[in-house]
N, C-alpha and C. Protein backbone atom coordinates (compact mmCIF):
# COMPACT_ATOMS: atom_id res chain seq x y z
N UNK A 1 46.80 51.14 65.02
CA UNK A 1 47.97 50.58 65.68
C UNK A 1 47.69 49.12 66.02
N UNK A 2 48.77 48.37 66.24
CA UNK A 2 48.61 46.95 66.51
C UNK A 2 49.63 46.49 67.54
N UNK A 3 49.17 45.56 68.40
CA UNK A 3 50.08 44.92 69.32
C UNK A 3 50.84 43.85 68.55
N UNK A 4 52.14 43.81 68.76
CA UNK A 4 53.00 42.87 68.04
C UNK A 4 53.55 41.82 69.00
N UNK A 5 53.86 40.65 68.47
CA UNK A 5 54.43 39.58 69.30
C UNK A 5 55.90 39.88 69.57
N UNK A 6 56.28 39.77 70.83
CA UNK A 6 57.67 39.98 71.23
C UNK A 6 58.36 38.62 71.28
N UNK A 7 59.44 38.47 70.52
CA UNK A 7 60.20 37.23 70.52
C UNK A 7 60.88 37.06 71.87
N UNK A 8 60.99 35.80 72.31
CA UNK A 8 61.64 35.52 73.59
C UNK A 8 62.87 34.64 73.39
N UNK A 9 63.89 34.93 74.18
CA UNK A 9 65.10 34.13 74.26
C UNK A 9 64.71 32.69 74.56
N UNK A 10 65.25 31.70 73.87
CA UNK A 10 66.40 31.73 72.97
C UNK A 10 66.07 31.77 71.48
N UNK A 11 64.96 32.38 71.09
CA UNK A 11 64.58 32.44 69.68
C UNK A 11 65.76 32.94 68.83
N UNK A 12 66.18 32.17 67.82
CA UNK A 12 67.34 32.54 67.02
C UNK A 12 67.16 33.85 66.24
N UNK A 13 65.92 34.26 65.99
CA UNK A 13 65.70 35.53 65.26
C UNK A 13 66.23 36.73 66.04
N UNK A 14 66.34 36.58 67.37
CA UNK A 14 66.87 37.67 68.19
C UNK A 14 68.36 37.91 67.91
N UNK A 15 69.00 36.99 67.22
CA UNK A 15 70.43 37.11 66.90
C UNK A 15 70.66 37.75 65.53
N UNK A 16 69.59 38.09 64.83
CA UNK A 16 69.69 38.70 63.51
C UNK A 16 70.15 40.15 63.65
N UNK A 17 71.16 40.53 62.86
CA UNK A 17 71.63 41.91 62.86
C UNK A 17 70.70 42.73 61.96
N UNK A 18 70.17 43.81 62.51
CA UNK A 18 69.21 44.65 61.79
C UNK A 18 69.90 45.45 60.69
N UNK A 19 69.15 45.75 59.64
CA UNK A 19 69.68 46.53 58.53
C UNK A 19 69.27 48.00 58.67
N UNK A 20 70.06 48.86 58.07
CA UNK A 20 69.83 50.30 58.14
C UNK A 20 68.52 50.66 57.43
N UNK A 21 67.82 51.62 58.01
CA UNK A 21 66.61 52.16 57.38
C UNK A 21 67.06 53.16 56.32
N UNK A 22 66.67 52.92 55.08
CA UNK A 22 67.09 53.80 53.98
C UNK A 22 66.25 55.07 53.90
N UNK A 23 64.93 54.92 54.13
CA UNK A 23 64.01 56.05 54.02
C UNK A 23 63.03 56.00 55.18
N UNK A 24 62.89 57.12 55.86
CA UNK A 24 61.90 57.21 56.93
C UNK A 24 60.59 57.67 56.28
N UNK A 25 59.69 56.69 56.12
CA UNK A 25 58.42 56.97 55.45
C UNK A 25 57.26 56.54 56.35
N UNK A 26 56.05 56.54 55.80
CA UNK A 26 54.87 56.19 56.59
C UNK A 26 54.93 54.76 57.12
N UNK A 27 55.55 53.85 56.39
CA UNK A 27 55.63 52.47 56.88
C UNK A 27 56.52 52.38 58.12
N UNK A 28 57.57 53.17 58.15
CA UNK A 28 58.45 53.21 59.33
C UNK A 28 57.72 53.88 60.49
N UNK A 29 56.99 54.95 60.22
CA UNK A 29 56.24 55.62 61.28
C UNK A 29 55.14 54.71 61.85
N UNK A 30 54.50 53.89 61.01
CA UNK A 30 53.51 52.93 61.50
C UNK A 30 54.20 51.88 62.37
N UNK A 31 55.36 51.41 61.92
CA UNK A 31 56.13 50.46 62.72
C UNK A 31 56.43 51.06 64.10
N UNK A 32 56.86 52.32 64.12
CA UNK A 32 57.18 53.01 65.38
C UNK A 32 55.94 53.07 66.28
N UNK A 33 54.80 53.45 65.73
CA UNK A 33 53.57 53.53 66.51
C UNK A 33 53.19 52.16 67.09
N UNK A 34 53.29 51.12 66.27
CA UNK A 34 52.98 49.77 66.73
C UNK A 34 53.97 49.32 67.81
N UNK A 35 55.23 49.70 67.65
CA UNK A 35 56.25 49.35 68.65
C UNK A 35 55.95 50.03 69.99
N UNK A 36 55.56 51.31 69.95
CA UNK A 36 55.22 52.00 71.20
C UNK A 36 54.03 51.32 71.87
N UNK A 37 52.98 51.02 71.10
CA UNK A 37 51.81 50.38 71.68
C UNK A 37 52.20 49.05 72.33
N UNK A 38 53.02 48.27 71.65
CA UNK A 38 53.47 46.98 72.16
C UNK A 38 54.31 47.15 73.42
N UNK A 39 55.24 48.10 73.40
CA UNK A 39 56.12 48.34 74.55
C UNK A 39 55.33 48.78 75.77
N UNK A 40 54.41 49.73 75.59
CA UNK A 40 53.62 50.22 76.72
C UNK A 40 52.74 49.11 77.29
N UNK A 41 52.17 48.29 76.43
CA UNK A 41 51.28 47.22 76.87
C UNK A 41 52.05 46.14 77.62
N UNK A 42 53.31 45.90 77.27
CA UNK A 42 54.07 44.75 77.78
C UNK A 42 54.16 44.62 79.32
N UNK A 43 54.44 45.56 80.14
CA UNK A 43 54.95 46.91 79.91
C UNK A 43 56.48 46.92 79.96
N UNK A 44 57.07 47.83 79.17
CA UNK A 44 58.51 47.97 79.16
C UNK A 44 58.91 49.41 78.98
N UNK A 45 60.22 49.66 79.00
CA UNK A 45 60.74 51.02 78.80
C UNK A 45 61.48 51.17 77.48
N UNK A 46 61.71 50.06 76.78
CA UNK A 46 62.39 50.11 75.49
C UNK A 46 62.05 48.90 74.66
N UNK A 47 62.11 49.08 73.35
CA UNK A 47 61.84 47.97 72.43
C UNK A 47 62.59 48.21 71.13
N UNK A 48 63.30 47.19 70.68
CA UNK A 48 64.00 47.24 69.40
C UNK A 48 63.19 46.46 68.37
N UNK A 49 63.21 46.91 67.13
CA UNK A 49 62.45 46.24 66.07
C UNK A 49 62.82 44.75 65.98
N UNK A 50 64.06 44.41 66.25
CA UNK A 50 64.50 43.02 66.23
C UNK A 50 63.64 42.15 67.14
N UNK A 51 63.21 42.71 68.27
CA UNK A 51 62.44 41.95 69.25
C UNK A 51 61.05 41.57 68.73
N UNK A 52 60.57 42.25 67.70
CA UNK A 52 59.27 41.92 67.11
C UNK A 52 59.45 41.30 65.72
N UNK A 53 60.68 40.81 65.49
CA UNK A 53 61.01 40.09 64.26
C UNK A 53 60.97 40.98 63.02
N UNK A 54 61.28 42.26 63.21
CA UNK A 54 61.45 43.21 62.11
C UNK A 54 62.91 43.65 62.19
N UNK A 55 63.68 43.31 61.20
CA UNK A 55 65.13 43.49 61.31
C UNK A 55 65.60 44.79 60.65
N UNK A 56 65.06 45.89 61.21
CA UNK A 56 65.44 47.25 60.79
C UNK A 56 65.97 47.97 62.02
N UNK A 57 66.87 48.92 61.81
CA UNK A 57 67.52 49.62 62.92
C UNK A 57 66.60 50.72 63.48
N UNK A 58 65.61 50.27 64.25
CA UNK A 58 64.63 51.17 64.87
C UNK A 58 64.46 50.75 66.33
N UNK A 59 64.54 51.74 67.23
CA UNK A 59 64.23 51.48 68.63
C UNK A 59 63.32 52.57 69.16
N UNK A 60 62.48 52.18 70.13
CA UNK A 60 61.61 53.14 70.82
C UNK A 60 61.87 53.00 72.31
N UNK A 61 61.81 54.12 73.01
CA UNK A 61 62.13 54.16 74.44
C UNK A 61 61.24 55.19 75.11
N UNK A 62 60.85 54.88 76.34
CA UNK A 62 60.19 55.87 77.21
C UNK A 62 60.48 55.46 78.65
N UNK A 63 61.43 56.15 79.28
CA UNK A 63 61.81 55.82 80.65
C UNK A 63 61.08 56.68 81.68
N UNK A 64 60.14 57.53 81.22
CA UNK A 64 59.42 58.41 82.14
C UNK A 64 58.42 57.61 82.98
N UNK A 65 58.18 58.07 84.20
CA UNK A 65 57.20 57.44 85.08
C UNK A 65 55.80 57.49 84.47
N UNK A 66 55.48 58.62 83.84
CA UNK A 66 54.12 58.84 83.31
C UNK A 66 53.92 58.24 81.92
N UNK A 67 54.99 57.71 81.35
CA UNK A 67 54.95 57.15 79.99
C UNK A 67 54.48 58.20 78.98
N UNK A 68 55.08 59.39 79.09
CA UNK A 68 54.69 60.49 78.21
C UNK A 68 55.89 61.18 77.56
N UNK A 69 57.04 60.47 77.52
CA UNK A 69 58.23 61.03 76.90
C UNK A 69 58.81 60.04 75.89
N UNK A 70 58.04 59.72 74.85
CA UNK A 70 58.50 58.73 73.87
C UNK A 70 59.69 59.24 73.06
N UNK A 71 60.67 58.37 72.89
CA UNK A 71 61.86 58.68 72.10
C UNK A 71 62.01 57.64 71.00
N UNK A 72 62.40 58.10 69.82
CA UNK A 72 62.60 57.23 68.67
C UNK A 72 64.04 57.39 68.20
N UNK A 73 64.68 56.27 67.91
CA UNK A 73 66.05 56.26 67.39
C UNK A 73 66.08 55.37 66.16
N UNK A 74 66.30 55.97 65.00
CA UNK A 74 66.41 55.21 63.76
C UNK A 74 67.88 55.25 63.34
N UNK A 75 68.42 54.09 63.00
CA UNK A 75 69.85 53.95 62.65
C UNK A 75 70.76 54.54 63.73
N UNK A 76 70.52 54.18 65.01
CA UNK A 76 71.33 54.77 66.07
C UNK A 76 72.77 54.27 66.07
N UNK A 77 73.67 55.17 66.47
CA UNK A 77 75.06 54.78 66.69
C UNK A 77 75.46 55.35 68.04
N UNK A 78 76.37 54.67 68.71
CA UNK A 78 76.78 55.09 70.04
C UNK A 78 78.29 55.30 70.06
N UNK A 79 78.70 56.37 70.71
CA UNK A 79 80.12 56.69 70.88
C UNK A 79 80.38 56.80 72.38
N UNK A 80 81.37 56.06 72.88
CA UNK A 80 81.71 56.11 74.30
C UNK A 80 82.48 57.40 74.56
N UNK A 81 82.00 58.20 75.51
CA UNK A 81 82.65 59.46 75.84
C UNK A 81 83.59 59.34 77.03
N UNK A 82 83.37 58.33 77.84
CA UNK A 82 84.17 58.13 79.05
C UNK A 82 84.21 56.63 79.31
N UNK A 83 85.38 56.09 79.51
CA UNK A 83 85.51 54.64 79.70
C UNK A 83 85.03 54.17 81.07
N UNK A 84 84.69 55.12 81.95
CA UNK A 84 84.16 54.75 83.25
C UNK A 84 82.90 53.93 83.05
N UNK A 85 82.82 52.81 83.76
CA UNK A 85 81.66 51.94 83.62
C UNK A 85 80.87 51.89 84.91
N UNK A 86 79.61 51.55 84.81
CA UNK A 86 78.79 51.33 85.99
C UNK A 86 77.87 50.16 85.72
N UNK A 87 77.39 49.57 86.79
CA UNK A 87 76.53 48.40 86.69
C UNK A 87 75.09 48.80 86.95
N UNK A 88 74.21 48.12 86.25
CA UNK A 88 72.78 48.39 86.39
C UNK A 88 72.07 47.06 86.26
N UNK A 89 71.06 46.83 87.07
CA UNK A 89 70.29 45.60 86.96
C UNK A 89 69.33 45.74 85.78
N UNK A 90 69.57 44.94 84.75
CA UNK A 90 68.78 45.04 83.52
C UNK A 90 67.79 43.88 83.42
N UNK A 91 66.66 44.20 82.81
CA UNK A 91 65.68 43.21 82.44
C UNK A 91 65.38 43.40 80.96
N UNK A 92 64.54 42.54 80.41
CA UNK A 92 64.29 42.61 78.97
C UNK A 92 62.96 41.95 78.64
N UNK A 93 62.19 42.58 77.77
CA UNK A 93 60.92 42.00 77.35
C UNK A 93 61.11 40.66 76.64
N UNK A 94 62.30 40.44 76.07
CA UNK A 94 62.60 39.18 75.39
C UNK A 94 63.18 38.13 76.33
N UNK A 95 63.42 38.51 77.58
CA UNK A 95 63.91 37.59 78.60
C UNK A 95 63.05 37.84 79.85
N UNK A 96 61.74 37.58 79.74
CA UNK A 96 60.81 37.99 80.79
C UNK A 96 61.07 37.32 82.14
N UNK A 97 61.01 38.15 83.19
CA UNK A 97 61.13 37.63 84.54
C UNK A 97 62.54 37.50 85.07
N UNK A 98 63.53 37.87 84.29
CA UNK A 98 64.91 37.74 84.72
C UNK A 98 65.60 39.10 84.72
N UNK A 99 66.41 39.33 85.74
CA UNK A 99 67.16 40.59 85.89
C UNK A 99 68.57 40.25 86.32
N UNK A 100 69.55 40.89 85.67
CA UNK A 100 70.95 40.63 85.99
C UNK A 100 71.74 41.93 85.91
N UNK A 101 72.81 42.00 86.71
CA UNK A 101 73.71 43.16 86.68
C UNK A 101 74.50 43.13 85.37
N UNK A 102 74.49 44.26 84.67
CA UNK A 102 75.26 44.42 83.43
C UNK A 102 76.10 45.69 83.58
N UNK A 103 77.35 45.61 83.16
CA UNK A 103 78.24 46.77 83.23
C UNK A 103 78.36 47.39 81.84
N UNK A 104 78.13 48.70 81.79
CA UNK A 104 78.19 49.43 80.51
C UNK A 104 78.91 50.75 80.72
N UNK A 105 79.36 51.38 79.62
CA UNK A 105 79.97 52.71 79.73
C UNK A 105 78.97 53.71 80.34
N UNK A 106 79.48 54.58 81.19
CA UNK A 106 78.62 55.53 81.88
C UNK A 106 78.22 56.72 81.00
N UNK A 107 79.16 57.20 80.17
CA UNK A 107 78.85 58.38 79.35
C UNK A 107 79.01 58.02 77.87
N UNK A 108 77.94 58.25 77.13
CA UNK A 108 77.94 57.96 75.69
C UNK A 108 77.25 59.10 74.95
N UNK A 109 77.53 59.17 73.67
CA UNK A 109 76.79 60.07 72.77
C UNK A 109 76.08 59.17 71.77
N UNK A 110 74.80 59.42 71.58
CA UNK A 110 74.00 58.64 70.65
C UNK A 110 73.55 59.56 69.52
N UNK A 111 73.80 59.13 68.30
CA UNK A 111 73.34 59.86 67.12
C UNK A 111 72.35 58.97 66.38
N UNK A 112 71.29 59.59 65.87
CA UNK A 112 70.25 58.82 65.19
C UNK A 112 69.37 59.75 64.36
N UNK A 113 68.37 59.16 63.74
CA UNK A 113 67.31 59.91 63.07
C UNK A 113 66.07 59.81 63.93
N UNK A 114 65.24 60.86 63.94
CA UNK A 114 63.98 60.81 64.66
C UNK A 114 62.88 60.26 63.75
N UNK A 115 61.63 60.26 64.21
CA UNK A 115 60.54 59.66 63.43
C UNK A 115 60.25 60.41 62.14
N UNK A 116 60.80 61.63 62.00
CA UNK A 116 60.64 62.40 60.76
C UNK A 116 61.88 62.32 59.87
N UNK A 117 62.87 61.53 60.28
CA UNK A 117 64.08 61.37 59.49
C UNK A 117 65.11 62.47 59.71
N UNK A 118 64.92 63.28 60.75
CA UNK A 118 65.87 64.36 61.06
C UNK A 118 66.95 63.83 61.99
N UNK A 119 68.20 64.22 61.70
CA UNK A 119 69.33 63.80 62.53
C UNK A 119 69.32 64.53 63.86
N UNK A 120 69.74 63.79 64.92
CA UNK A 120 69.92 64.40 66.22
C UNK A 120 70.96 63.62 67.00
N UNK A 121 71.44 64.22 68.07
CA UNK A 121 72.45 63.60 68.91
C UNK A 121 72.15 63.97 70.36
N UNK A 122 72.29 63.01 71.28
CA UNK A 122 72.10 63.28 72.70
C UNK A 122 73.22 62.61 73.49
N UNK A 123 73.40 63.08 74.72
CA UNK A 123 74.34 62.47 75.66
C UNK A 123 73.55 62.06 76.89
N UNK A 124 72.91 60.89 76.84
CA UNK A 124 72.04 60.45 77.92
C UNK A 124 72.81 60.03 79.16
N UNK A 125 72.09 60.01 80.28
CA UNK A 125 72.67 59.56 81.54
C UNK A 125 71.74 58.56 82.18
N UNK A 126 72.25 57.83 83.17
CA UNK A 126 71.42 56.95 83.98
C UNK A 126 70.66 55.90 83.20
N UNK A 127 69.38 55.72 83.59
CA UNK A 127 68.55 54.68 82.98
C UNK A 127 68.42 54.86 81.47
N UNK A 128 68.30 56.09 81.00
CA UNK A 128 68.17 56.32 79.56
C UNK A 128 69.42 55.84 78.82
N UNK A 129 70.60 56.12 79.35
CA UNK A 129 71.85 55.67 78.72
C UNK A 129 71.92 54.15 78.68
N UNK A 130 71.53 53.50 79.77
CA UNK A 130 71.52 52.04 79.83
C UNK A 130 70.54 51.48 78.80
N UNK A 131 69.35 52.05 78.79
CA UNK A 131 68.29 51.56 77.91
C UNK A 131 68.69 51.68 76.44
N UNK A 132 69.24 52.81 76.05
CA UNK A 132 69.65 52.99 74.65
C UNK A 132 70.71 51.96 74.27
N UNK A 133 71.72 51.78 75.13
CA UNK A 133 72.77 50.81 74.82
C UNK A 133 72.20 49.39 74.74
N UNK A 134 71.28 49.07 75.64
CA UNK A 134 70.63 47.76 75.66
C UNK A 134 69.87 47.52 74.35
N UNK A 135 69.11 48.52 73.91
CA UNK A 135 68.32 48.37 72.68
C UNK A 135 69.20 48.33 71.44
N UNK A 136 70.27 49.11 71.41
CA UNK A 136 71.20 49.05 70.27
C UNK A 136 71.83 47.66 70.20
N UNK A 137 72.12 47.06 71.36
CA UNK A 137 72.62 45.68 71.36
C UNK A 137 71.65 44.76 70.61
N UNK A 138 70.34 44.92 70.85
CA UNK A 138 69.36 44.09 70.15
C UNK A 138 69.51 44.23 68.63
N UNK A 139 69.72 45.46 68.17
CA UNK A 139 69.87 45.67 66.72
C UNK A 139 71.10 44.97 66.17
N UNK A 140 72.05 44.69 67.05
CA UNK A 140 73.28 44.01 66.66
C UNK A 140 73.24 42.51 66.99
N UNK A 141 72.05 42.01 67.33
CA UNK A 141 71.90 40.58 67.60
C UNK A 141 72.42 40.14 68.96
N UNK A 142 72.51 41.08 69.89
CA UNK A 142 73.06 40.79 71.21
C UNK A 142 72.00 41.01 72.27
N UNK A 143 72.04 40.18 73.32
CA UNK A 143 71.09 40.28 74.43
C UNK A 143 71.84 40.53 75.73
N UNK A 144 71.14 41.05 76.73
CA UNK A 144 71.82 41.34 77.99
C UNK A 144 72.36 40.06 78.64
N UNK A 145 71.77 38.91 78.34
CA UNK A 145 72.27 37.65 78.91
C UNK A 145 73.66 37.29 78.36
N UNK A 146 74.08 37.95 77.28
CA UNK A 146 75.42 37.71 76.74
C UNK A 146 76.49 38.31 77.65
N UNK A 147 76.10 39.19 78.57
CA UNK A 147 77.04 39.83 79.47
C UNK A 147 77.22 39.05 80.78
N UNK A 148 76.43 38.01 80.98
CA UNK A 148 76.51 37.26 82.23
C UNK A 148 77.21 35.94 81.99
N UNK A 149 77.47 35.20 83.06
CA UNK A 149 78.19 33.93 82.93
C UNK A 149 77.39 32.92 82.11
N UNK A 150 78.11 32.01 81.49
CA UNK A 150 77.48 30.98 80.67
C UNK A 150 76.53 30.12 81.50
N UNK A 151 76.91 29.85 82.75
CA UNK A 151 76.06 29.03 83.63
C UNK A 151 74.73 29.73 83.87
N UNK A 152 74.75 31.03 84.20
CA UNK A 152 73.51 31.79 84.43
C UNK A 152 72.68 31.84 83.15
N UNK A 153 73.35 32.09 82.01
CA UNK A 153 72.65 32.19 80.73
C UNK A 153 71.95 30.86 80.40
N UNK A 154 72.63 29.73 80.63
CA UNK A 154 72.03 28.42 80.35
C UNK A 154 70.85 28.13 81.28
N UNK A 155 70.96 28.57 82.54
CA UNK A 155 69.87 28.38 83.49
C UNK A 155 68.63 29.16 83.03
N UNK A 156 68.84 30.41 82.59
CA UNK A 156 67.74 31.23 82.09
C UNK A 156 67.13 30.59 80.84
N UNK A 157 68.00 30.13 79.93
CA UNK A 157 67.53 29.48 78.69
C UNK A 157 66.63 28.29 79.02
N UNK A 158 67.08 27.43 79.92
CA UNK A 158 66.31 26.23 80.26
C UNK A 158 64.96 26.59 80.89
N UNK A 159 64.94 27.60 81.78
CA UNK A 159 63.68 28.00 82.41
C UNK A 159 62.72 28.57 81.37
N UNK A 160 63.21 29.39 80.45
CA UNK A 160 62.33 29.97 79.43
C UNK A 160 61.85 28.91 78.44
N UNK A 161 62.73 27.98 78.07
CA UNK A 161 62.30 26.90 77.16
C UNK A 161 61.20 26.06 77.82
N UNK A 162 61.33 25.81 79.12
CA UNK A 162 60.31 25.06 79.85
C UNK A 162 58.99 25.82 79.85
N UNK A 163 59.04 27.14 80.08
CA UNK A 163 57.83 27.96 80.03
C UNK A 163 57.20 27.93 78.65
N UNK A 164 58.03 28.00 77.59
CA UNK A 164 57.51 27.98 76.22
C UNK A 164 56.81 26.66 75.93
N UNK A 165 57.39 25.55 76.40
CA UNK A 165 56.76 24.22 76.19
C UNK A 165 55.42 24.15 76.93
N UNK A 166 55.38 24.70 78.14
CA UNK A 166 54.17 24.65 78.95
C UNK A 166 53.03 25.45 78.31
N UNK A 167 53.39 26.55 77.60
CA UNK A 167 52.39 27.37 76.93
C UNK A 167 51.89 26.72 75.66
N UNK A 168 52.71 25.78 75.13
CA UNK A 168 52.31 25.09 73.91
C UNK A 168 52.90 25.74 72.76
């Protein structure tokens, strides 16, 4: 397994729309393993392949306290089951150090392939529902900062660009 570099906002590669995975094979499973290692090390609760500059529709998630409930979603799709929305303070490994309220649908159904290429569907709630929607946004070239005001987004952009310059 390998730790991978996580792209940070405003890197334009984060805006790339990921392509569908045609075949779930050993290369995809290695990608998944590397993504989990990277996510746990960061530390985070979710990671989309787009965030590591791999533009395939793959996300990994583990919202458990013990970090022992890994979930894989390949080619995920989301269906809103209830238009009721709720707000959640979201953060992101690609926007480190910033948290903002984002409003999303409360009830969704997610369909995807697992790490063995088998189809499954779930109806997540709470943090898991938020996390899946957040990661699917990444696959579509969207970030949580797109849900906040332009002024806040520009302030975050400027602070992160300054940090990037300071790191060299």
